[in-house]
Amino acid sequence: GVKNTYLQMNSLKPAATDVYYCGAQSLSPPWATPSVTSHEYDYWGQGT
């Protein structure tokens, strides 16, 4: 309810090894279908 997002990853496989990034994309209108393309995202974290 605040501003935190989570990704629960189960049954992990070795192929999942990578750096994972959180991104934020501004939608216009707010109910639009989000893009799955990284270039469309406006902000990024440093990765984990």
All heavy atoms as atom14 arrays in JSON, in Angstrom:
{
  "sequence": "GVKNTYLQMNSLKPAATDVYYCGAQSLSPPWATPSVTSHEYDYWGQGT",
  "atom14_mask": [
    [1, 1, 1, 1, 0, 0, 0, 0, 0, 0, 0, 0, 0, 0],
    [1, 1, 1, 1, 1, 1, 1, 0, 0, 0, 0, 0, 0, 0],
    [1, 1, 1, 1, 1, 1, 1, 1, 1, 0, 0, 0, 0, 0],
    [1, 1, 1, 1, 1, 1, 1, 1, 0, 0, 0, 0, 0, 0],
    [1, 1, 1, 1, 1, 1, 1, 0, 0, 0, 0, 0, 0, 0],
    [1, 1, 1, 1, 1, 1, 1, 1, 1, 1, 1, 1, 0, 0],
    [1, 1, 1, 1, 1, 1, 1, 1, 0, 0, 0, 0, 0, 0],
    [1, 1, 1, 1, 1, 1, 1, 1, 1, 0, 0, 0, 0, 0],
    [1, 1, 1, 1, 1, 1, 1, 1, 0, 0, 0, 0, 0, 0],
    [1, 1, 1, 1, 1, 1, 1, 1, 0, 0, 0, 0, 0, 0],
    [1, 1, 1, 1, 1, 1, 0, 0, 0, 0, 0, 0, 0, 0],
    [1, 1, 1, 1, 1, 1, 1, 1, 0, 0, 0, 0, 0, 0],
    [1, 1, 1, 1, 1, 1, 1, 1, 1, 0, 0, 0, 0, 0],
    [1, 1, 1, 1, 1, 1, 1, 0, 0, 0, 0, 0, 0, 0],
    [1, 1, 1, 1, 1, 0, 0, 0, 0, 0, 0, 0, 0, 0],
    [1, 1, 1, 1, 1, 0, 0, 0, 0, 0, 0, 0, 0, 0],
    [1, 1, 1, 1, 1, 1, 1, 0, 0, 0, 0, 0, 0, 0],
    [1, 1, 1, 1, 1, 1, 1, 1, 0, 0, 0, 0, 0, 0],
    [1, 1, 1, 1, 1, 1, 1, 0, 0, 0, 0, 0, 0, 0],
    [1, 1, 1, 1, 1, 1, 1, 1, 1, 1, 1, 1, 0, 0],
    [1, 1, 1, 1, 1, 1, 1, 1, 1, 1, 1, 1, 0, 0],
    [1, 1, 1, 1, 1, 1, 0, 0, 0, 0, 0, 0, 0, 0],
    [1, 1, 1, 1, 0, 0, 0, 0, 0, 0, 0, 0, 0, 0],
    [1, 1, 1, 1, 1, 0, 0, 0, 0, 0, 0, 0, 0, 0],
    [1, 1, 1, 1, 1, 1, 1, 1, 1, 0, 0, 0, 0, 0],
    [1, 1, 1, 1, 1, 1, 0, 0, 0, 0, 0, 0, 0, 0],
    [1, 1, 1, 1, 1, 1, 1, 1, 0, 0, 0, 0, 0, 0],
    [1, 1, 1, 1, 1, 1, 0, 0, 0, 0, 0, 0, 0, 0],
    [1, 1, 1, 1, 1, 1, 1, 0, 0, 0, 0, 0, 0, 0],
    [1, 1, 1, 1, 1, 1, 1, 0, 0, 0, 0, 0, 0, 0],
    [1, 1, 1, 1, 1, 1, 1, 1, 1, 1, 1, 1, 1, 1],
    [1, 1, 1, 1, 1, 0, 0, 0, 0, 0, 0, 0, 0, 0],
    [1, 1, 1, 1, 1, 1, 1, 0, 0, 0, 0, 0, 0, 0],
    [1, 1, 1, 1, 1, 1, 1, 0, 0, 0, 0, 0, 0, 0],
    [1, 1, 1, 1, 1, 1, 0, 0, 0, 0, 0, 0, 0, 0],
    [1, 1, 1, 1, 1, 1, 1, 0, 0, 0, 0, 0, 0, 0],
    [1, 1, 1, 1, 1, 1, 1, 0, 0, 0, 0, 0, 0, 0],
    [1, 1, 1, 1, 1, 1, 0, 0, 0, 0, 0, 0, 0, 0],
    [1, 1, 1, 1, 1, 1, 1, 1, 1, 1, 0, 0, 0, 0],
    [1, 1, 1, 1, 1, 1, 1, 1, 1, 0, 0, 0, 0, 0],
    [1, 1, 1, 1, 1, 1, 1, 1, 1, 1, 1, 1, 0, 0],
    [1, 1, 1, 1, 1, 1, 1, 1, 0, 0, 0, 0, 0, 0],
    [1, 1, 1, 1, 1, 1, 1, 1, 1, 1, 1, 1, 0, 0],
    [1, 1, 1, 1, 1, 1, 1, 1, 1, 1, 1, 1, 1, 1],
    [1, 1, 1, 1, 0, 0, 0, 0, 0, 0, 0, 0, 0, 0],
    [1, 1, 1, 1, 1, 1, 1, 1, 1, 0, 0, 0, 0, 0],
    [1, 1, 1, 1, 0, 0, 0, 0, 0, 0, 0, 0, 0, 0],
    [1, 1, 1, 1, 1, 1, 1, 0, 0, 0, 0, 0, 0, 0]
  ],
  "atom14_positions": [
    [[0.79, -1.22, 0.0], [0.0, 0.0, 0.0], [0.82, 1.27, 0.0], [0.25, 2.36, -0.07], [0.0, 0.0, 0.0], [0.0, 0.0, 0.0], [0.0, 0.0, 0.0], [0.0, 0.0, 0.0], [0.0, 0.0, 0.0], [0.0, 0.0, 0.0], [0.0, 0.0, 0.0], [0.0, 0.0, 0.0], [0.0, 0.0, 0.0], [0.0, 0.0, 0.0]],
    [[2.12, 1.12, 0.0], [2.99, 2.3, 0.05], [3.6, 2.46, -1.34], [2.92, 2.82, -2.28], [4.06, 2.14, 1.13], [4.85, 3.43, 1.3], [3.42, 1.75, 2.46], [0.0, 0.0, 0.0], [0.0, 0.0, 0.0], [0.0, 0.0, 0.0], [0.0, 0.0, 0.0], [0.0, 0.0, 0.0], [0.0, 0.0, 0.0], [0.0, 0.0, 0.0]],
    [[4.84, 2.17, -1.51], [5.49, 2.3, -2.81], [6.5, 1.19, -3.04], [7.51, 1.38, -3.7], [6.2, 3.67, -2.91], [5.26, 4.85, -3.01], [6.02, 6.15, -3.17], [5.09, 7.34, -3.26], [5.82, 8.61, -3.37], [0.0, 0.0, 0.0], [0.0, 0.0, 0.0], [0.0, 0.0, 0.0], [0.0, 0.0, 0.0], [0.0, 0.0, 0.0]],
    [[6.22, 0.01, -2.5], [7.15, -1.1, -2.64], [6.58, -2.16, -3.57], [5.39, -2.48, -3.53], [7.44, -1.71, -1.27], [8.07, -0.72, -0.33], [9.05, -0.07, -0.65], [7.47, -0.57, 0.85], [0.0, 0.0, 0.0], [0.0, 0.0, 0.0], [0.0, 0.0, 0.0], [0.0, 0.0, 0.0], [0.0, 0.0, 0.0], [0.0, 0.0, 0.0]],
    [[7.45, -2.7, -4.4], [7.09, -3.75, -5.34], [7.95, -4.96, -5.05], [9.12, -4.83, -4.69], [7.32, -3.27, -6.78], [6.66, -2.04, -6.99], [6.8, -4.29, -7.78], [0.0, 0.0, 0.0], [0.0, 0.0, 0.0], [0.0, 0.0, 0.0], [0.0, 0.0, 0.0], [0.0, 0.0, 0.0], [0.0, 0.0, 0.0], [0.0, 0.0, 0.0]],
    [[7.36, -6.15, -5.23], [8.05, -7.38, -4.9], [7.99, -8.35, -6.08], [7.04, -8.34, -6.86], [7.43, -8.03, -3.68], [7.34, -7.1, -2.49], [6.15, -6.42, -2.21], [8.44, -6.88, -1.67], [6.07, -5.55, -1.13], [8.36, -6.0, -0.59], [7.17, -5.34, -0.33], [7.1, -4.48, 0.73], [0.0, 0.0, 0.0], [0.0, 0.0, 0.0]],
    [[9.0, -9.2, -6.17], [8.99, -10.28, -7.15], [9.35, -11.56, -6.41], [10.51, -11.74, -6.02], [9.98, -10.01, -8.28], [9.97, -11.05, -9.4], [8.63, -10.99, -10.17], [11.13, -10.86, -10.36], [0.0, 0.0, 0.0], [0.0, 0.0, 0.0], [0.0, 0.0, 0.0], [0.0, 0.0, 0.0], [0.0, 0.0, 0.0], [0.0, 0.0, 0.0]],
    [[8.36, -12.41, -6.21], [8.58, -13.7, -5.6], [8.94, -14.68, -6.7], [8.16, -14.88, -7.63], [7.32, -14.18, -4.86], [7.45, -15.55, -4.24], [8.44, -15.59, -3.1], [8.48, -14.68, -2.27], [9.25, -16.64, -3.04], [0.0, 0.0, 0.0], [0.0, 0.0, 0.0], [0.0, 0.0, 0.0], [0.0, 0.0, 0.0], [0.0, 0.0, 0.0]],
    [[10.12, -15.28, -6.59], [10.62, -16.18, -7.62], [10.74, -17.58, -7.02], [11.54, -17.79, -6.1], [11.96, -15.69, -8.16], [11.94, -14.26, -8.67], [13.46, -13.77, -9.49], [14.61, -13.84, -8.13], [0.0, 0.0, 0.0], [0.0, 0.0, 0.0], [0.0, 0.0, 0.0], [0.0, 0.0, 0.0], [0.0, 0.0, 0.0], [0.0, 0.0, 0.0]],
    [[9.96, -18.5, -7.52], [9.97, -19.89, -7.05], [10.47, -20.82, -8.14], [10.48, -20.47, -9.31], [8.57, -20.31, -6.62], [8.03, -19.48, -5.47], [8.78, -19.01, -4.62], [6.72, -19.29, -5.44], [0.0, 0.0, 0.0], [0.0, 0.0, 0.0], [0.0, 0.0, 0.0], [0.0, 0.0, 0.0], [0.0, 0.0, 0.0], [0.0, 0.0, 0.0]],
    [[10.87, -22.01, -7.73], [11.34, -23.03, -8.67], [12.4, -22.45, -9.6], [12.34, -22.61, -10.83], [10.16, -23.58, -9.49], [9.19, -24.13, -8.63], [0.0, 0.0, 0.0], [0.0, 0.0, 0.0], [0.0, 0.0, 0.0], [0.0, 0.0, 0.0], [0.0, 0.0, 0.0], [0.0, 0.0, 0.0], [0.0, 0.0, 0.0], [0.0, 0.0, 0.0]],
    [[13.37, -21.8, -9.01], [14.38, -21.12, -9.82], [15.27, -22.11, -10.56], [15.6, -23.18, -10.04], [15.23, -20.21, -8.93], [14.57, -18.88, -8.55], [15.27, -18.22, -7.39], [14.55, -17.95, -9.75], [0.0, 0.0, 0.0], [0.0, 0.0, 0.0], [0.0, 0.0, 0.0], [0.0, 0.0, 0.0], [0.0, 0.0, 0.0], [0.0, 0.0, 0.0]],
    [[15.64, -21.71, -11.76], [16.51, -22.52, -12.6], [17.83, -21.79, -12.8], [17.88, -20.55, -12.73], [15.84, -22.74, -13.95], [14.45, -23.34, -13.87], [13.79, -23.38, -15.24], [12.37, -23.92, -15.14], [11.69, -23.93, -16.45], [0.0, 0.0, 0.0], [0.0, 0.0, 0.0], [0.0, 0.0, 0.0], [0.0, 0.0, 0.0], [0.0, 0.0, 0.0]],
    [[18.9, -22.49, -13.09], [20.19, -21.82, -13.33], [20.12, -20.76, -14.43], [20.84, -19.76, -14.38], [21.1, -22.98, -13.73], [20.55, -24.15, -13.0], [19.06, -23.95, -13.03], [0.0, 0.0, 0.0], [0.0, 0.0, 0.0], [0.0, 0.0, 0.0], [0.0, 0.0, 0.0], [0.0, 0.0, 0.0], [0.0, 0.0, 0.0], [0.0, 0.0, 0.0]],
    [[19.22, -20.95, -15.4], [19.08, -19.98, -16.49], [18.55, -18.64, -15.99], [18.62, -17.65, -16.73], [18.16, -20.53, -17.57], [0.0, 0.0, 0.0], [0.0, 0.0, 0.0], [0.0, 0.0, 0.0], [0.0, 0.0, 0.0], [0.0, 0.0, 0.0], [0.0, 0.0, 0.0], [0.0, 0.0, 0.0], [0.0, 0.0, 0.0], [0.0, 0.0, 0.0]],
    [[18.04, -18.59, -14.78], [17.53, -17.33, -14.22], [18.65, -16.44, -13.69], [18.4, -15.32, -13.26], [16.55, -17.62, -13.1], [0.0, 0.0, 0.0], [0.0, 0.0, 0.0], [0.0, 0.0, 0.0], [0.0, 0.0, 0.0], [0.0, 0.0, 0.0], [0.0, 0.0, 0.0], [0.0, 0.0, 0.0], [0.0, 0.0, 0.0], [0.0, 0.0, 0.0]],
    [[19.87, -16.94, -13.7], [21.0, -16.16, -13.21], [21.19, -14.91, -14.06], [21.37, -15.01, -15.27], [22.28, -17.0, -13.24], [22.13, -18.09, -12.33], [23.5, -16.18, -12.86], [0.0, 0.0, 0.0], [0.0, 0.0, 0.0], [0.0, 0.0, 0.0], [0.0, 0.0, 0.0], [0.0, 0.0, 0.0], [0.0, 0.0, 0.0], [0.0, 0.0, 0.0]],
    [[21.14, -13.74, -13.4], [21.22, -12.47, -14.09], [21.2, -11.35, -13.06], [21.0, -11.6, -11.86], [20.04, -12.25, -15.05], [20.43, -12.48, -16.5], [21.62, -12.33, -16.83], [19.53, -12.78, -17.3], [0.0, 0.0, 0.0], [0.0, 0.0, 0.0], [0.0, 0.0, 0.0], [0.0, 0.0, 0.0], [0.0, 0.0, 0.0], [0.0, 0.0, 0.0]],
    [[21.36, -10.13, -13.54], [21.09, -8.97, -12.7], [19.63, -8.55, -12.96], [19.23, -8.43, -14.12], [22.04, -7.8, -13.0], [21.67, -6.59, -12.15], [23.48, -8.22, -12.73], [0.0, 0.0, 0.0], [0.0, 0.0, 0.0], [0.0, 0.0, 0.0], [0.0, 0.0, 0.0], [0.0, 0.0, 0.0], [0.0, 0.0, 0.0], [0.0, 0.0, 0.0]],
    [[18.88, -8.35, -11.9], [17.47, -8.0, -12.01], [17.28, -6.53, -11.65], [17.81, -6.06, -10.64], [16.63, -8.89, -11.09], [16.46, -10.27, -11.66], [17.54, -11.16, -11.67], [15.25, -10.7, -12.21], [17.41, -12.43, -12.21], [15.11, -11.96, -12.74], [16.19, -12.81, -12.75], [16.05, -14.08, -13.29], [0.0, 0.0, 0.0], [0.0, 0.0, 0.0]],
    [[16.53, -5.84, -12.5], [16.31, -4.42, -12.33], [14.82, -4.12, -12.15], [13.97, -4.74, -12.81], [16.8, -3.64, -13.55], [18.29, -3.68, -13.76], [18.88, -4.69, -14.5], [19.1, -2.69, -13.22], [20.25, -4.72, -14.69], [20.47, -2.7, -13.41], [21.04, -3.73, -14.15], [22.4, -3.75, -14.34], [0.0, 0.0, 0.0], [0.0, 0.0, 0.0]],
    [[14.56, -3.17, -11.31], [13.21, -2.64, -11.12], [13.11, -1.35, -11.92], [14.01, -0.5, -11.88], [12.99, -2.37, -9.63], [11.46, -1.54, -9.23], [0.0, 0.0, 0.0], [0.0, 0.0, 0.0], [0.0, 0.0, 0.0], [0.0, 0.0, 0.0], [0.0, 0.0, 0.0], [0.0, 0.0, 0.0], [0.0, 0.0, 0.0], [0.0, 0.0, 0.0]],
    [[12.01, -1.2, -12.66], [11.81, -0.01, -13.46], [10.42, 0.56, -13.26], [9.5, -0.15, -12.88], [0.0, 0.0, 0.0], [0.0, 0.0, 0.0], [0.0, 0.0, 0.0], [0.0, 0.0, 0.0], [0.0, 0.0, 0.0], [0.0, 0.0, 0.0], [0.0, 0.0, 0.0], [0.0, 0.0, 0.0], [0.0, 0.0, 0.0], [0.0, 0.0, 0.0]],
    [[10.28, 1.85, -13.55], [8.98, 2.53, -13.45], [8.67, 3.2, -14.78], [9.52, 3.87, -15.37], [9.01, 3.57, -12.33], [0.0, 0.0, 0.0], [0.0, 0.0, 0.0], [0.0, 0.0, 0.0], [0.0, 0.0, 0.0], [0.0, 0.0, 0.0], [0.0, 0.0, 0.0], [0.0, 0.0, 0.0], [0.0, 0.0, 0.0], [0.0, 0.0, 0.0]],
    [[7.44, 2.99, -15.22], [6.99, 3.55, -16.49], [5.73, 4.36, -16.24], [4.79, 3.86, -15.61], [6.69, 2.42, -17.47], [6.14, 2.86, -18.82], [5.65, 1.69, -19.66], [4.89, 1.87, -20.59], [6.06, 0.5, -19.34], [0.0, 0.0, 0.0], [0.0, 0.0, 0.0], [0.0, 0.0, 0.0], [0.0, 0.0, 0.0], [0.0, 0.0, 0.0]],
    [[5.71, 5.58, -16.75], [4.52, 6.41, -16.61], [3.53, 6.05, -17.71], [3.89, 6.05, -18.89], [4.9, 7.89, -16.71], [3.75, 8.7, -16.62], [0.0, 0.0, 0.0], [0.0, 0.0, 0.0], [0.0, 0.0, 0.0], [0.0, 0.0, 0.0], [0.0, 0.0, 0.0], [0.0, 0.0, 0.0], [0.0, 0.0, 0.0], [0.0, 0.0, 0.0]],
    [[2.3, 5.71, -17.33], [1.3, 5.32, -18.3], [0.37, 6.48, -18.63], [-0.07, 7.2, -17.76], [0.45, 4.17, -17.74], [1.12, 2.82, -17.57], [0.13, 1.82, -17.01], [1.7, 2.33, -18.88], [0.0, 0.0, 0.0], [0.0, 0.0, 0.0], [0.0, 0.0, 0.0], [0.0, 0.0, 0.0], [0.0, 0.0, 0.0], [0.0, 0.0, 0.0]],
    [[0.09, 6.63, -19.91], [-0.86, 7.64, -20.33], [-1.73, 7.05, -21.44], [-1.25, 6.81, -22.54], [-0.13, 8.89, -20.83], [-1.06, 9.88, -21.23], [0.0, 0.0, 0.0], [0.0, 0.0, 0.0], [0.0, 0.0, 0.0], [0.0, 0.0, 0.0], [0.0, 0.0, 0.0], [0.0, 0.0, 0.0], [0.0, 0.0, 0.0], [0.0, 0.0, 0.0]],
    [[-3.02, 6.82, -21.15], [-3.74, 7.03, -19.89], [-3.32, 6.02, -18.84], [-2.67, 5.02, -19.18], [-5.21, 6.84, -20.31], [-5.14, 5.89, -21.44], [-3.89, 6.25, -22.21], [0.0, 0.0, 0.0], [0.0, 0.0, 0.0], [0.0, 0.0, 0.0], [0.0, 0.0, 0.0], [0.0, 0.0, 0.0], [0.0, 0.0, 0.0], [0.0, 0.0, 0.0]],
    [[-3.72, 6.22, -17.58], [-3.24, 5.36, -16.48], [-3.67, 3.91, -16.6], [-3.08, 3.04, -15.96], [-3.86, 6.01, -15.24], [-4.14, 7.41, -15.62], [-4.48, 7.36, -17.08], [0.0, 0.0, 0.0], [0.0, 0.0, 0.0], [0.0, 0.0, 0.0], [0.0, 0.0, 0.0], [0.0, 0.0, 0.0], [0.0, 0.0, 0.0], [0.0, 0.0, 0.0]],
    [[-4.7, 3.63, -17.4], [-5.17, 2.26, -17.55], [-4.61, 1.57, -18.8], [-5.06, 0.5, -19.18], [-6.71, 2.25, -17.59], [-7.27, 3.15, -18.64], [-7.48, 2.87, -19.96], [-7.67, 4.51, -18.45], [-7.99, 3.96, -20.6], [-8.13, 4.99, -19.7], [-7.69, 5.37, -17.35], [-8.61, 6.29, -19.86], [-8.17, 6.65, -17.51], [-8.61, 7.11, -18.76]],
    [[-3.64, 2.21, -19.45], [-3.05, 1.64, -20.66], [-2.3, 0.35, -20.33], [-1.89, 0.11, -19.2], [-2.1, 2.65, -21.29], [0.0, 0.0, 0.0], [0.0, 0.0, 0.0], [0.0, 0.0, 0.0], [0.0, 0.0, 0.0], [0.0, 0.0, 0.0], [0.0, 0.0, 0.0], [0.0, 0.0, 0.0], [0.0, 0.0, 0.0], [0.0, 0.0, 0.0]],
    [[-2.14, -0.5, -21.32], [-1.35, -1.71, -21.17], [0.12, -1.32, -21.17], [0.58, -0.63, -22.09], [-1.62, -2.68, -22.33], [-3.01, -3.04, -22.3], [-0.77, -3.93, -22.19], [0.0, 0.0, 0.0], [0.0, 0.0, 0.0], [0.0, 0.0, 0.0], [0.0, 0.0, 0.0], [0.0, 0.0, 0.0], [0.0, 0.0, 0.0], [0.0, 0.0, 0.0]],
    [[0.87, -1.75, -20.16], [2.27, -1.34, -20.09], [3.12, -2.0, -21.16], [2.81, -3.07, -21.64], [2.69, -1.79, -18.69], [1.76, -2.89, -18.35], [0.47, -2.56, -19.01], [0.0, 0.0, 0.0], [0.0, 0.0, 0.0], [0.0, 0.0, 0.0], [0.0, 0.0, 0.0], [0.0, 0.0, 0.0], [0.0, 0.0, 0.0], [0.0, 0.0, 0.0]],
    [[4.2, -1.33, -21.48], [5.14, -1.87, -22.43], [6.02, -2.92, -21.77], [6.28, -2.88, -20.57], [6.02, -0.74, -22.99], [7.08, -1.27, -23.76], [0.0, 0.0, 0.0], [0.0, 0.0, 0.0], [0.0, 0.0, 0.0], [0.0, 0.0, 0.0], [0.0, 0.0, 0.0], [0.0, 0.0, 0.0], [0.0, 0.0, 0.0], [0.0, 0.0, 0.0]],
    [[6.48, -3.87, -22.56], [7.44, -4.87, -22.08], [8.83, -4.56, -22.6], [9.74, -5.36, -22.5], [7.02, -6.3, -22.48], [5.67, -6.64, -21.86], [6.97, -6.45, -23.99], [0.0, 0.0, 0.0], [0.0, 0.0, 0.0], [0.0, 0.0, 0.0], [0.0, 0.0, 0.0], [0.0, 0.0, 0.0], [0.0, 0.0, 0.0], [0.0, 0.0, 0.0]],
    [[8.97, -3.38, -23.16], [10.25, -2.95, -23.72], [10.94, -2.03, -22.73], [10.36, -1.03, -22.29], [10.04, -2.21, -25.04], [9.33, -3.07, -25.94], [11.36, -1.81, -25.66], [0.0, 0.0, 0.0], [0.0, 0.0, 0.0], [0.0, 0.0, 0.0], [0.0, 0.0, 0.0], [0.0, 0.0, 0.0], [0.0, 0.0, 0.0], [0.0, 0.0, 0.0]],
    [[12.19, -2.32, -22.41], [12.89, -1.55, -21.38], [13.04, -0.08, -21.75], [13.05, 0.78, -20.87], [14.27, -2.17, -21.11], [15.08, -2.13, -22.27], [0.0, 0.0, 0.0], [0.0, 0.0, 0.0], [0.0, 0.0, 0.0], [0.0, 0.0, 0.0], [0.0, 0.0, 0.0], [0.0, 0.0, 0.0], [0.0, 0.0, 0.0], [0.0, 0.0, 0.0]],
    [[13.11, 0.22, -23.05], [13.32, 1.6, -23.46], [12.13, 2.49, -23.1], [12.26, 3.71, -23.06], [13.58, 1.67, -24.97], [14.78, 0.88, -25.4], [16.04, 1.14, -24.94], [14.89, -0.18, -26.24], [16.89, 0.28, -25.49], [16.21, -0.53, -26.28], [0.0, 0.0, 0.0], [0.0, 0.0, 0.0], [0.0, 0.0, 0.0], [0.0, 0.0, 0.0]],
    [[10.98, 1.89, -22.86], [9.78, 2.66, -22.53], [9.72, 3.03, -21.06], [8.85, 3.79, -20.64], [8.54, 1.85, -22.89], [8.44, 1.49, -24.37], [8.21, 2.69, -25.24], [7.63, 3.69, -24.76], [8.62, 2.65, -26.42], [0.0, 0.0, 0.0], [0.0, 0.0, 0.0], [0.0, 0.0, 0.0], [0.0, 0.0, 0.0], [0.0, 0.0, 0.0]],
    [[10.63, 2.5, -20.25], [10.61, 2.78, -18.83], [11.41, 4.04, -18.53], [12.46, 4.28, -19.14], [11.13, 1.58, -18.03], [10.09, 0.51, -17.89], [9.66, -0.22, -18.99], [9.49, 0.24, -16.66], [8.67, -1.17, -18.88], [8.5, -0.72, -16.53], [8.1, -1.42, -17.64], [7.11, -2.37, -17.53], [0.0, 0.0, 0.0], [0.0, 0.0, 0.0]],
    [[10.91, 4.81, -17.57], [11.48, 6.13, -17.3], [12.55, 6.12, -16.22], [13.44, 6.97, -16.22], [10.36, 7.09, -16.88], [9.24, 7.14, -17.89], [9.51, 7.57, -19.03], [8.1, 6.74, -17.57], [0.0, 0.0, 0.0], [0.0, 0.0, 0.0], [0.0, 0.0, 0.0], [0.0, 0.0, 0.0], [0.0, 0.0, 0.0], [0.0, 0.0, 0.0]],
    [[12.43, 5.22, -15.27], [13.35, 5.2, -14.13], [13.79, 3.76, -13.86], [13.03, 2.81, -14.07], [12.67, 5.77, -12.86], [12.15, 7.17, -13.03], [10.81, 7.4, -13.32], [13.01, 8.26, -12.91], [10.33, 8.69, -13.49], [12.53, 9.55, -13.08], [11.2, 9.75, -13.36], [10.73, 11.03, -13.52], [0.0, 0.0, 0.0], [0.0, 0.0, 0.0]],
    [[15.02, 3.65, -13.34], [15.58, 2.33, -13.03], [16.32, 2.37, -11.69], [16.87, 3.4, -11.3], [16.57, 1.91, -14.11], [15.94, 1.63, -15.43], [15.88, 2.47, -16.51], [15.26, 0.44, -15.81], [15.2, 1.87, -17.52], [14.8, 0.61, -17.13], [14.99, -0.77, -15.16], [14.1, -0.38, -17.82], [14.28, -1.75, -15.84], [13.85, -1.55, -17.16]],
    [[16.34, 1.2, -11.05], [17.19, 1.04, -9.89], [18.58, 0.59, -10.31], [18.88, 0.49, -11.51], [0.0, 0.0, 0.0], [0.0, 0.0, 0.0], [0.0, 0.0, 0.0], [0.0, 0.0, 0.0], [0.0, 0.0, 0.0], [0.0, 0.0, 0.0], [0.0, 0.0, 0.0], [0.0, 0.0, 0.0], [0.0, 0.0, 0.0], [0.0, 0.0, 0.0]],
    [[19.41, 0.28, -9.33], [20.79, -0.08, -9.61], [20.95, -1.57, -9.92], [22.01, -1.98, -10.38], [21.68, 0.31, -8.43], [21.71, -0.69, -7.27], [20.4, -0.75, -6.48], [19.51, 0.09, -6.63], [20.29, -1.74, -5.61], [0.0, 0.0, 0.0], [0.0, 0.0, 0.0], [0.0, 0.0, 0.0], [0.0, 0.0, 0.0], [0.0, 0.0, 0.0]],
    [[19.93, -2.36, -9.66], [19.97, -3.79, -9.95], [20.39, -4.61, -8.74], [21.07, -4.13, -7.84], [0.0, 0.0, 0.0], [0.0, 0.0, 0.0], [0.0, 0.0, 0.0], [0.0, 0.0, 0.0], [0.0, 0.0, 0.0], [0.0, 0.0, 0.0], [0.0, 0.0, 0.0], [0.0, 0.0, 0.0], [0.0, 0.0, 0.0], [0.0, 0.0, 0.0]],
    [[19.96, -5.86, -8.75], [20.36, -6.81, -7.72], [20.66, -8.14, -8.41], [19.91, -8.58, -9.28], [19.26, -6.97, -6.64], [19.73, -7.82, -5.6], [17.97, -7.53, -7.21], [0.0, 0.0, 0.0], [0.0, 0.0, 0.0], [0.0, 0.0, 0.0], [0.0, 0.0, 0.0], [0.0, 0.0, 0.0], [0.0, 0.0, 0.0], [0.0, 0.0, 0.0]]
  ]
}
